[in-house]
C-alpha cells in the first residue's frame, strides 16, 4: 500500500478536468453500475462507514456517460451541489474530481493513481448531470485504510491523532501591540490571535508540519518505504479560537495556505494523503469573547466530544502558553478520557509572566488553578521553544521515528539557512507556492527573531546528536543531517529537502460581536 501511496502522489497535484474527457482510452467497458438521470440530478455512490482508526478509500474509479455531460465529485460525505459554490463544500479529492470547469463524458483512474485516501470514515463519489439527460455507467469500489491511532496499534508502532491550536502553535501572529488600548484597528486581529513576535505574521514555524506528520506516522515510520509500517497518517484536527458562527468566512478551508502548506510537506515526505483535516477541525464561539480562559474551556470541551466519539483513539495535543491552551491541556489530562491523551506539547511564545493564566475553567464551568508544568503526568507534558527541541523530546519518548526526526531537522536547517544565516542564494522560498514557511526568504534582523535563531541553533545541535545515535550510518536519507556548519552562534546548515463559562450577559454578546468585526477586518 505504501508504494501505491507514493505513486499516487503524482496524481495528487494533477487535475483531470479536461484530460479524462479527451482521453480516447477512457471507457467503462464492463462496468456493472448504471443509472439514468436528468439535468440537475445526481447519482451518489457512498462508501460504507469504516471502523474507528480507519479512513475510507476509493480503490477503483471508472465512470462514463453514453448520453450527456457530467461533473464528477469525490469528496467527504455530506456535501451538496446546491451550496458548493456558495457556502463551501466538504474536502474534495482533486485527483478524483473532474468537470467543475468543463463537463466530461468519461473519467477513470488507473492503478498507479489509486487508492484515493480519504480523511474521514466515509467518502462519496457523486455523478452530477449537466445535460438534459445522462446515462451513466460506473465501476466504483471503496475500502478502508488503517491510521494506526488506536490503543491496539501501539504494539505495531502506530501514531497518534494530533489535536492542534493554530496561532502561536503552527504559525506566528506577530502582533504589533502589547495592550489592546495601544492597538490600531488593523493590528487587533493579530493581537487577539497570539503573542509571538519572533517570526513574521503568518510565517509557519519551521519543522512544525514535518513534526506533526511524524507524530501521525508513529515510531514505525522508516525512510525506506519497504521497511515502514502500513498505516496512513491521520491528518491533524485543528482547535481554533476562531468563532464557529462564521466558519464559512473564517474557517480553515481546503484552499487555505495552512492546508496547502501541510499538503506540500506531505508530498515532499512521500505521504501525499497528508494535510489538515479541515472537515473535522473544531472552532470557538462568539460567546468566548476575548477571554483566554474561555478559549481554553472551549478547546477542552471539544476534546471531551471528540474523545467520546473515538473511544479507542490515542491523542496528542499541541498548543501554546499564550491563549488558554495550557488550561485546556490540564483539563484534557484530568478528564475521563485523559489516559488517552498520550502527550501534551506547549509552545512557549508568551514571555510576560503577568499575561500567563493562573486560573482556568473546566468545560462544566468549575474553576480550577493552573498547575501544569513541564514533566507532569509521568513526563507526558513538554514545554518547548522550537520544534527541533520538540522532535528531540518526542524521539526520546518513542512518539516519532528517527526518520521523522531527521525530516524535522532538515526542514529547520533549510529555514535557518535563509532566515538566520542569510545565505539567500541557497533558498528557493521565493520560487515556490506556498512557500515552505511563509512569504519570507530573507534573513530576519529583529532582536526577537535573532534570539529565536540562537535557540534553533542550540536545539538543532541537540537533535542532530540524537539522530546520529539512532541512525549512526545515515541509512535514512532524511535522518542524516549535515552539522558541519552548525555552531552555537549560527544556525546555518546544508538543507537536503523541504518539505488551531460561555457568557450570556448582554455585555459579553457585544464583546463577541466586536470580536467578529475584528476577525473580519
Protein backbone atom coordinates (compact mmCIF):
# COMPACT_ATOMS: atom_id res chain seq x y z
CA UNK A 1 0.00 0.00 0.00
CA UNK A 2 2.84 2.39 0.83
CA UNK A 3 4.19 2.03 -2.70
CA UNK A 4 0.74 2.79 -4.10
CA UNK A 5 0.55 5.87 -1.88
CA UNK A 6 3.90 7.06 -3.19
CA UNK A 7 2.90 6.58 -6.80
CA UNK A 8 -0.40 8.34 -6.24
CA UNK A 9 1.49 11.49 -5.18
CA UNK A 10 1.84 12.28 -8.86
CA UNK A 11 -1.93 12.28 -9.14
CA UNK A 12 -2.37 14.49 -6.09
CA UNK A 13 -1.05 17.51 -7.94
CA UNK A 14 -2.57 16.71 -11.33
CA UNK A 15 -6.00 17.92 -12.34
CA UNK A 16 -8.09 15.80 -14.67
CA UNK A 17 -10.80 18.34 -15.50
CA UNK A 18 -10.42 18.08 -19.26
CA UNK A 19 -7.76 15.38 -19.69
CA UNK A 20 -10.07 12.49 -18.87
CA UNK A 21 -12.80 13.71 -21.18
CA UNK A 22 -10.39 13.95 -24.10
CA UNK A 23 -8.58 10.66 -23.43
CA UNK A 24 -9.68 8.24 -26.12
CA UNK A 25 -8.61 5.29 -23.97
CA UNK A 26 -11.11 6.23 -21.27
CA UNK A 27 -14.09 3.89 -21.29
CA UNK A 28 -16.34 2.00 -18.95
CA UNK A 29 -16.49 -1.30 -20.79
CA UNK A 30 -17.65 -3.98 -18.39
CA UNK A 31 -18.87 -1.51 -15.76
CA UNK A 32 -21.74 -3.10 -13.85
CA UNK A 33 -23.30 0.04 -12.36
CA UNK A 34 -25.71 2.20 -14.33
CA UNK A 35 -28.30 4.95 -13.88
CA UNK A 36 -30.30 7.39 -15.99
CA UNK A 37 -30.99 10.82 -14.54
CA UNK A 38 -31.88 14.31 -15.74
CA UNK A 39 -30.42 17.80 -15.56
CA UNK A 40 -29.70 18.95 -12.03
CA UNK A 41 -29.99 15.47 -10.53
CA UNK A 42 -27.13 13.26 -9.42
CA UNK A 43 -26.14 9.70 -8.68
CA UNK A 44 -24.50 9.31 -5.27
CA UNK A 45 -22.15 6.41 -4.58
CA UNK A 46 -21.31 6.20 -0.88
CA UNK A 47 -18.78 4.06 0.87
CA UNK A 48 -19.60 2.07 3.96
CA UNK A 49 -18.57 3.66 7.25
CA UNK A 50 -15.09 2.42 8.13
CA UNK A 51 -14.33 1.37 11.70
CA UNK A 52 -12.66 3.72 14.19
CA UNK A 53 -8.99 4.13 13.45
CA UNK A 54 -9.53 3.88 9.69
CA UNK A 55 -10.31 6.22 6.82
CA UNK A 56 -12.33 5.50 3.71
CA UNK A 57 -10.59 5.00 0.38
CA UNK A 58 -11.58 4.73 -3.27
CA UNK A 59 -9.91 1.64 -4.71
CA UNK A 60 -11.47 1.70 -8.18
CA UNK A 61 -12.93 4.63 -10.12
CA UNK A 62 -14.30 4.25 -13.65
CA UNK A 63 -17.21 6.39 -14.85
CA UNK A 64 -18.71 7.33 -18.22
CA UNK A 65 -21.89 8.75 -19.75
CA UNK A 66 -23.16 7.39 -23.04
CA UNK A 67 -25.53 10.36 -23.23
CA UNK A 68 -24.91 13.80 -21.75
CA UNK A 69 -22.09 15.54 -19.92
CA UNK A 70 -21.47 15.38 -16.20
CA UNK A 71 -19.41 16.57 -13.27
CA UNK A 72 -17.60 14.10 -11.02
CA UNK A 73 -17.05 14.94 -7.36
CA UNK A 74 -15.11 12.74 -4.96
CA UNK A 75 -15.42 14.30 -1.53
CA UNK A 76 -16.25 13.67 2.09
CA UNK A 77 -19.81 12.57 2.71
CA UNK A 78 -22.31 15.34 3.38
CA UNK A 79 -21.74 17.78 0.55
CA UNK A 80 -24.43 19.41 -1.58
CA UNK A 81 -24.02 20.75 -5.11
CA UNK A 82 -26.58 23.45 -4.21
CA UNK A 83 -24.24 25.10 -1.70
CA UNK A 84 -20.88 24.00 -3.12
CA UNK A 85 -20.00 27.35 -4.70
CA UNK A 86 -21.71 29.50 -2.04
CA UNK A 87 -21.01 28.16 1.44
CA UNK A 88 -18.15 25.86 0.59
CA UNK A 89 -18.01 22.10 0.42
CA UNK A 90 -16.52 19.14 2.19
CA UNK A 91 -12.94 18.32 1.34
CA UNK A 92 -12.62 17.37 -2.35
CA UNK A 93 -10.06 14.84 -3.51
CA UNK A 94 -8.74 16.71 -6.52
CA UNK A 95 -7.18 13.73 -8.28
CA UNK A 96 -10.62 12.10 -8.38
CA UNK A 97 -12.70 15.19 -9.18
CA UNK A 98 -13.40 16.40 -12.72
CA UNK A 99 -15.76 18.52 -14.78
CA UNK A 100 -16.04 21.54 -12.49
CA UNK A 101 -14.73 23.83 -15.23
CA UNK A 102 -15.52 21.74 -18.31
CA UNK A 103 -18.08 18.94 -18.22
CA UNK A 104 -16.85 15.46 -19.08
CA UNK A 105 -18.20 12.30 -20.66
CA UNK A 106 -15.67 9.86 -19.21
CA UNK A 107 -13.28 9.66 -16.27
CA UNK A 108 -11.11 6.93 -14.81
CA UNK A 109 -8.09 6.50 -12.58
CA UNK A 110 -5.50 3.86 -13.35
CA UNK A 111 -3.88 1.60 -10.79
CA UNK A 112 -0.91 3.89 -10.21
CA UNK A 113 -3.29 6.69 -9.18
CA UNK A 114 -5.13 4.57 -6.64
CA UNK A 115 -6.11 4.32 -3.88
CA UNK A 116 -7.63 7.72 -3.20
CA UNK A 117 -7.15 8.03 0.56
CA UNK A 118 -9.77 9.99 2.47
CA UNK A 119 -9.55 11.65 5.87
CA UNK A 120 -12.98 10.62 7.17
CA UNK A 121 -14.57 7.26 7.87
CA UNK A 122 -16.78 7.57 4.78
CA UNK A 123 -16.36 9.04 1.31
CA UNK A 124 -18.70 9.80 -1.58
CA UNK A 125 -18.45 9.78 -5.36
CA UNK A 126 -21.11 11.99 -6.93
CA UNK A 127 -22.05 11.99 -10.62
CA UNK A 128 -23.84 15.28 -11.30
CA UNK A 129 -25.76 15.50 -14.57
CA UNK A 130 -25.07 18.71 -16.53
CA UNK A 131 -27.18 17.86 -19.62
CA UNK A 132 -30.86 17.30 -20.29
CA UNK A 133 -30.34 13.58 -19.65
CA UNK A 134 -27.37 11.49 -18.57
CA UNK A 135 -26.96 7.74 -18.94
CA UNK A 136 -24.23 6.74 -16.51
CA UNK A 137 -22.04 3.68 -16.39
CA UNK A 138 -19.70 3.24 -13.45
CA UNK A 139 -17.47 0.86 -11.55
CA UNK A 140 -16.63 2.44 -8.21
CA UNK A 141 -15.23 0.46 -5.31
CA UNK A 142 -14.30 1.53 -1.80
CA UNK A 143 -12.07 0.31 1.00
CA UNK A 144 -10.65 1.30 4.38
CA UNK A 145 -7.08 2.16 5.40
CA UNK A 146 -5.85 1.99 8.98
CA UNK A 147 -4.32 5.11 10.51
CA UNK A 148 -2.63 3.36 13.42
CA UNK A 149 -4.02 5.70 16.11
CA UNK A 150 -5.89 3.08 18.15
CA UNK A 151 -4.75 1.81 21.53
CA UNK A 152 -4.28 -1.63 19.98
CA UNK A 153 -1.92 -0.18 17.35
CA UNK A 154 0.73 0.71 19.92
CA UNK A 155 2.27 -2.75 19.56
CA UNK A 156 2.61 -2.11 15.82
CA UNK A 157 4.33 1.25 16.32
CA UNK A 158 1.30 3.28 15.34
CA UNK A 159 0.99 7.05 15.70
CA UNK A 160 -1.47 9.42 17.34
CA UNK A 161 -4.33 11.70 16.39
CA UNK A 162 -2.90 15.20 16.71
CA UNK A 163 -5.16 17.98 18.02
CA UNK A 164 -3.59 21.38 17.47
CA UNK A 165 -4.09 25.05 18.06
CA UNK A 166 -3.24 27.33 15.11
CA UNK A 167 -1.85 30.76 16.02
CA UNK A 168 1.32 30.67 18.13
CA UNK A 169 1.42 26.89 17.59
CA UNK A 170 1.56 26.36 13.82
CA UNK A 171 2.17 29.89 12.62
CA UNK A 172 3.22 33.21 14.09
CA UNK A 173 0.68 36.03 14.51
CA UNK A 174 3.34 38.76 15.08
CA UNK A 175 1.13 41.28 16.96
CA UNK A 176 2.28 44.88 16.67
CA UNK A 177 0.89 45.96 20.05
CA UNK A 178 1.14 44.55 23.57
CA UNK A 179 -2.00 46.12 25.05
CA UNK A 180 -5.41 46.41 23.43
CA UNK A 181 -5.53 50.12 24.24
CA UNK A 182 -2.41 50.64 22.11
CA UNK A 183 -3.61 48.66 19.08
CA UNK A 184 -4.64 50.18 15.83
CA UNK A 185 -7.68 48.59 14.23
CA UNK A 186 -5.57 46.73 11.66
CA UNK A 187 -3.48 45.17 14.45
CA UNK A 188 -6.35 43.93 16.63
CA UNK A 189 -6.67 40.66 14.71
CA UNK A 190 -3.01 39.85 15.35
CA UNK A 191 -3.25 40.91 18.99
CA UNK A 192 -6.14 38.54 19.63
CA UNK A 193 -4.55 35.77 17.55
CA UNK A 194 -1.48 35.35 19.73
CA UNK A 195 1.64 36.74 21.36
CA UNK A 196 4.66 35.54 19.38
CA UNK A 197 6.79 38.24 17.76
CA UNK A 198 9.80 36.05 16.93
CA UNK A 199 8.64 35.31 13.39
CA UNK A 200 6.70 37.40 10.90
CA UNK A 201 2.93 37.49 10.51
CA UNK A 202 1.70 34.22 9.02
CA UNK A 203 5.13 32.57 8.98
CA UNK A 204 4.91 28.86 9.75
CA UNK A 205 7.20 27.62 12.48
CA UNK A 206 9.98 25.65 10.79
CA UNK A 207 9.55 21.91 11.13
CA UNK A 208 6.01 22.03 12.54
CA UNK A 209 4.34 20.21 9.63
CA UNK A 210 7.09 17.59 9.42
CA UNK A 211 6.79 17.08 13.17
CA UNK A 212 3.02 16.57 13.07
CA UNK A 213 3.43 14.13 10.18
CA UNK A 214 5.99 12.20 12.22
CA UNK A 215 3.61 12.04 15.18
CA UNK A 216 0.83 10.77 12.90
CA UNK A 217 3.07 8.07 11.39
CA UNK A 218 4.44 7.00 14.77
CA UNK A 219 7.77 5.38 15.67
CA UNK A 220 7.34 2.73 12.98
CA UNK A 221 7.85 5.20 10.13
CA UNK A 222 11.00 4.42 8.17
CA UNK A 223 12.76 6.37 5.45
CA UNK A 224 12.64 3.21 3.36
CA UNK A 225 9.02 2.66 2.35
CA UNK A 226 9.62 -1.08 2.04
CA UNK A 227 10.55 -1.34 5.74
CA UNK A 228 7.95 1.05 7.09
CA UNK A 229 4.58 0.43 8.69
CA UNK A 230 1.47 0.14 6.54
CA UNK A 231 -0.51 2.88 8.31
CA UNK A 232 -1.60 6.07 6.55
CA UNK A 233 -1.11 9.26 8.59
CA UNK A 234 -4.14 10.69 10.39
CA UNK A 235 -4.43 14.35 9.44
CA UNK A 236 -4.21 16.81 12.36
CA UNK A 237 -7.50 18.24 13.64
CA UNK A 238 -7.39 21.94 14.46
CA UNK A 239 -8.71 23.53 17.64
CA UNK A 240 -9.02 27.19 16.70
CA UNK A 241 -10.32 30.18 18.67
CA UNK A 242 -11.99 31.49 15.51
CA UNK A 243 -15.79 31.68 16.01
CA UNK A 244 -17.73 28.74 14.61
CA UNK A 245 -20.73 31.00 13.89
CA UNK A 246 -18.84 32.43 10.92
CA UNK A 247 -16.89 29.31 9.98
CA UNK A 248 -17.84 29.79 6.32
CA UNK A 249 -15.87 33.06 6.35
CA UNK A 250 -13.08 32.38 8.84
CA UNK A 251 -12.67 28.60 8.89
CA UNK A 252 -9.56 26.83 7.61
CA UNK A 253 -10.66 25.65 4.16
CA UNK A 254 -9.06 23.20 1.77
CA UNK A 255 -7.53 26.08 -0.18
CA UNK A 256 -6.21 27.90 2.89
CA UNK A 257 -2.44 28.41 2.92
CA UNK A 258 -2.19 26.34 6.10
CA UNK A 259 -3.65 23.24 4.47
CA UNK A 260 -1.74 23.83 1.23
CA UNK A 261 1.49 24.04 3.21
CA UNK A 262 0.81 20.77 5.07
CA UNK A 263 -0.16 19.02 1.84
CA UNK A 264 3.03 20.23 0.20
CA UNK A 265 5.08 18.87 3.10
CA UNK A 266 3.21 15.57 2.84
CA UNK A 267 4.09 15.23 -0.84
CA UNK A 268 7.70 16.10 -0.09
CA UNK A 269 7.82 13.38 2.57
CA UNK A 270 6.21 10.82 0.22
CA UNK A 271 2.90 10.96 2.10
CA UNK A 272 0.58 12.63 -0.45
CA UNK A 273 -2.57 11.95 1.58
CA UNK A 274 -1.32 14.16 4.44
CA UNK A 275 -2.71 17.62 5.12
CA UNK A 276 -5.10 19.24 7.57
CA UNK A 277 -8.36 17.51 8.48
CA UNK A 278 -10.39 20.60 7.65
CA UNK A 279 -13.78 18.88 7.96
CA UNK A 280 -13.12 17.60 11.50
CA UNK A 281 -11.46 20.74 12.84
CA UNK A 282 -13.22 22.49 15.72
CA UNK A 283 -13.75 26.16 16.40
CA UNK A 284 -14.56 28.60 19.17
CA UNK A 285 -17.65 30.72 19.55
CA UNK A 286 -18.56 34.38 19.57
CA UNK A 287 -19.61 33.88 23.19
CA UNK A 288 -15.98 33.20 24.09
CA UNK A 289 -15.45 36.95 23.52
CA UNK A 290 -11.74 37.73 24.05
CA UNK A 291 -11.32 35.79 27.29
CA UNK A 292 -8.42 33.34 27.05
CA UNK A 293 -9.91 31.30 29.88
CA UNK A 294 -12.95 30.68 27.72
CA UNK A 295 -10.77 29.78 24.74
CA UNK A 296 -9.21 27.04 26.85
CA UNK A 297 -12.55 25.89 28.18
CA UNK A 298 -13.95 25.55 24.66
CA UNK A 299 -10.96 23.50 23.48
CA UNK A 300 -11.25 21.20 26.49
CA UNK A 301 -14.94 20.76 25.70
CA UNK A 302 -14.04 19.84 22.11
CA UNK A 303 -11.61 17.21 23.39
CA UNK A 304 -14.34 15.67 25.53
CA UNK A 305 -16.57 15.45 22.47
CA UNK A 306 -14.04 14.02 20.02
CA UNK A 307 -12.57 11.57 22.54
CA UNK A 308 -16.07 10.30 23.39
CA UNK A 309 -16.78 9.85 19.68
CA UNK A 310 -13.49 7.95 19.28
CA UNK A 311 -13.30 5.83 22.45
CA UNK A 312 -10.28 3.77 21.35
CA UNK A 313 -8.14 6.53 19.84
CA UNK A 314 -4.90 7.93 21.27
CA UNK A 315 -4.50 11.72 21.11
CA UNK A 316 -1.73 14.29 21.41
CA UNK A 317 -2.41 17.99 21.98
CA UNK A 318 -0.21 20.81 20.66
CA UNK A 319 -0.80 24.33 21.92
CA UNK A 320 0.99 27.36 23.33
CA UNK A 321 1.24 29.23 26.62
CA UNK A 322 -0.42 32.41 25.38
CA UNK A 323 -4.18 31.90 24.99
CA UNK A 324 -5.61 29.34 27.35
CA UNK A 325 -4.09 26.24 25.77
CA UNK A 326 -2.31 25.27 28.98
CA UNK A 327 -5.67 25.46 30.78
CA UNK A 328 -7.15 23.29 28.04
CA UNK A 329 -4.27 20.81 28.32
CA UNK A 330 -4.62 20.37 32.07
CA UNK A 331 -8.37 19.95 31.72
CA UNK A 332 -7.87 17.33 28.98
CA UNK A 333 -5.41 15.38 31.10
CA UNK A 334 -7.76 15.49 34.11
CA UNK A 335 -10.82 14.44 32.09
CA UNK A 336 -12.39 10.97 31.99
CA UNK A 337 -10.52 10.32 28.74
CA UNK A 338 -7.24 11.83 29.90
CA UNK A 339 -5.47 8.48 29.89
CA UNK A 340 -5.68 8.51 26.08
CA UNK A 341 -4.00 11.93 25.87
CA UNK A 342 -0.54 10.42 25.47
CA UNK A 343 1.34 13.72 25.37
CA UNK A 344 0.93 17.49 25.54
CA UNK A 345 3.36 19.84 23.81
CA UNK A 346 3.23 23.52 24.75
CA UNK A 347 5.00 26.07 22.55
CA UNK A 348 6.46 28.83 24.72
CA UNK A 349 5.57 32.09 22.97
CA UNK A 350 4.36 34.28 25.86
CA UNK A 351 7.32 35.69 27.75
CA UNK A 352 5.38 38.08 30.03
CA UNK A 353 4.56 36.12 33.23
CA UNK A 354 1.79 38.57 34.10
CA UNK A 355 -0.10 37.55 30.96
CA UNK A 356 0.13 33.81 31.58
CA UNK A 357 -3.11 32.45 33.01
CA UNK A 358 -3.25 31.05 36.52
CA UNK A 359 -6.99 30.44 36.89
CA UNK A 360 -8.99 28.28 34.49
CA UNK A 361 -12.42 26.71 34.00
CA UNK A 362 -13.44 23.14 33.27
CA UNK A 363 -15.94 22.51 30.46
CA UNK A 364 -18.72 22.27 33.09
CA UNK A 365 -17.82 25.73 34.42
CA UNK A 366 -15.95 24.61 37.55
CA UNK A 367 -12.97 26.81 38.39
CA UNK A 368 -9.53 25.30 38.89
CA UNK A 369 -6.00 26.59 39.44
CA UNK A 370 -3.49 26.06 36.67
CA UNK A 371 -0.60 23.94 37.92
CA UNK A 372 0.59 22.18 34.76
CA UNK A 373 4.37 22.10 34.47
CA UNK A 374 6.94 20.57 32.17
CA UNK A 375 7.38 16.87 33.00
CA UNK A 376 3.99 16.42 34.67
CA UNK A 377 1.81 13.33 34.18
CA UNK A 378 4.69 10.91 34.08
CA UNK A 379 6.70 13.08 31.73
CA UNK A 380 3.89 13.40 29.17
CA UNK A 381 3.97 17.22 29.27
CA UNK A 382 6.70 19.13 27.48
CA UNK A 383 7.25 22.86 27.02
CA UNK A 384 9.43 23.87 24.07
CA UNK A 385 10.60 26.95 22.17
CA UNK A 386 11.47 25.26 18.88
CA UNK A 387 10.19 22.24 17.01
CA UNK A 388 13.72 20.85 16.90
CA UNK A 389 13.50 20.56 20.68
CA UNK A 390 10.01 19.09 20.46
CA UNK A 391 11.22 16.49 17.95
CA UNK A 392 14.17 15.50 20.16
CA UNK A 393 11.82 15.04 23.12
CA UNK A 394 9.31 13.04 21.05
CA UNK A 395 12.11 10.82 19.73
CA UNK A 396 13.20 10.05 23.29
CA UNK A 397 9.56 9.27 24.23
CA UNK A 398 9.15 6.86 21.31
CA UNK A 399 6.48 9.02 19.65
CA UNK A 400 8.31 9.56 16.35
CA UNK A 401 10.88 7.63 14.36
CA UNK A 402 14.48 8.56 13.69
CA UNK A 403 13.48 9.17 10.08
CA UNK A 404 10.80 11.67 11.12
CA UNK A 405 13.22 13.42 13.46
CA UNK A 406 15.56 13.80 10.50
CA UNK A 407 12.80 15.33 8.41
CA UNK A 408 12.22 17.95 11.12
CA UNK A 409 15.94 18.64 11.33
CA UNK A 410 16.29 19.19 7.60
CA UNK A 411 13.22 21.44 7.37
CA UNK A 412 14.50 23.62 10.20
CA UNK A 413 18.02 23.69 8.75
CA UNK A 414 16.72 24.91 5.42
CA UNK A 415 14.68 27.62 7.11
CA UNK A 416 17.67 28.70 9.20
CA UNK A 417 19.91 28.95 6.14
CA UNK A 418 17.60 31.62 4.76
CA UNK A 419 16.19 33.35 7.82
CA UNK A 420 19.12 33.18 10.23
CA UNK A 421 22.35 32.84 8.30
CA UNK A 422 21.24 34.86 5.32
CA UNK A 423 22.59 32.67 2.53
CA UNK A 424 19.65 33.65 0.35
CA UNK A 425 21.20 32.14 -2.76
CA UNK A 426 20.62 28.62 -1.43
CA UNK A 427 16.99 29.34 -0.66
CA UNK A 428 14.22 28.77 -3.18
CA UNK A 429 11.46 30.08 -0.93
CA UNK A 430 10.63 32.83 -3.38
CA UNK A 431 10.32 30.28 -6.18
CA UNK A 432 7.62 28.11 -4.65
CA UNK A 433 3.95 28.34 -3.68
CA UNK A 434 3.01 28.04 -0.97
CA UNK A 435 6.46 28.88 0.42
CA UNK A 436 7.84 26.40 2.97
CA UNK A 437 7.23 28.65 5.97
CA UNK A 438 5.58 31.71 4.52
CA UNK A 439 6.36 34.54 2.08
CA UNK A 440 9.70 35.22 3.73
CA UNK A 441 13.05 34.27 2.27
CA UNK A 442 15.39 36.96 3.56
CA UNK A 443 17.25 36.95 6.86
CA UNK A 444 15.48 38.48 9.81
CA UNK A 445 17.25 41.26 11.69
CA UNK A 446 14.86 41.82 14.61
CA UNK A 447 16.20 41.03 18.08
CA UNK A 448 13.38 38.60 18.86
CA UNK A 449 13.99 36.74 15.62
CA UNK A 450 17.73 36.57 16.22
CA UNK A 451 17.09 35.17 19.69
CA UNK A 452 14.88 32.51 18.10
CA UNK A 453 17.69 31.71 15.66
CA UNK A 454 20.03 31.18 18.61
CA UNK A 455 17.54 28.80 20.22
CA UNK A 456 17.22 26.97 16.90
CA UNK A 457 20.99 26.55 16.64
CA UNK A 458 21.22 25.04 20.13
CA UNK A 459 18.26 22.73 19.67
CA UNK A 460 19.33 21.64 16.19
CA UNK A 461 22.70 20.55 17.54
CA UNK A 462 21.00 18.50 20.27
CA UNK A 463 18.61 16.93 17.75
CA UNK A 464 21.47 16.08 15.39
CA UNK A 465 23.26 14.30 18.22
CA UNK A 466 20.22 12.13 18.94
CA UNK A 467 19.76 11.32 15.25
CA UNK A 468 23.39 10.28 14.91
CA UNK A 469 22.79 7.84 17.78
CA UNK A 470 19.66 6.20 16.38
CA UNK A 471 20.95 6.24 12.79
CA UNK A 472 24.76 6.22 13.05
CA UNK A 473 25.26 5.05 9.47
CA UNK A 474 22.94 7.65 8.00
CA UNK A 475 20.84 4.96 6.30
CA UNK A 476 17.74 7.15 6.24
CA UNK A 477 18.15 9.93 3.68
CA UNK A 478 16.19 12.42 5.78
CA UNK A 479 17.85 11.37 9.03
CA UNK A 480 21.42 12.16 8.01
CA UNK A 481 21.79 15.85 8.89
CA UNK A 482 24.82 17.84 7.88
CA UNK A 483 26.03 19.58 11.04
CA UNK A 484 29.31 20.78 9.65
CA UNK A 485 28.20 24.40 9.57
CA UNK A 486 26.21 24.40 12.81
CA UNK A 487 27.76 26.38 15.65
CA UNK A 488 26.50 27.88 18.88
CA UNK A 489 26.02 31.28 17.25
CA UNK A 490 24.97 30.22 13.78
CA UNK A 491 22.01 28.14 12.73
CA UNK A 492 23.10 27.56 9.17
CA UNK A 493 23.07 24.02 7.85
CA UNK A 494 23.07 22.35 4.49
CA UNK A 495 19.43 21.64 3.69
CA UNK A 496 18.51 18.41 1.95
CA UNK A 497 14.78 18.76 1.33
CA UNK A 498 11.82 20.85 2.21
CA UNK A 499 9.32 19.97 2.89
CA UNK A 500 -5.84 25.83 15.98
CA UNK A 501 -18.09 29.94 31.04
CA UNK A 502 -19.91 30.81 27.99
CA UNK A 503 -21.19 34.26 28.99
CA UNK A 504 -24.80 35.10 28.38
CA UNK A 505 -24.86 38.70 29.57
CA UNK A 506 -25.52 41.36 27.01
CA UNK A 507 -22.06 42.83 27.53
CA UNK A 508 -20.46 39.54 26.55
CA UNK A 509 -22.55 39.24 23.43
CA UNK A 510 -21.48 42.71 22.40
CA UNK A 511 -17.88 41.72 23.01
CA UNK A 512 -18.40 38.71 20.79
CA UNK A 513 -19.77 40.88 18.01
CA UNK A 514 -16.81 43.17 18.41
CA UNK A 515 -14.53 40.16 18.05
CA UNK A 516 -16.29 39.19 14.84
CA UNK A 517 -15.69 42.65 13.43
CA UNK A 518 -12.01 42.31 14.35
CA UNK A 519 -11.69 38.92 12.64
CA UNK A 520 -13.39 40.23 9.52
CA UNK A 521 -11.18 43.30 9.35
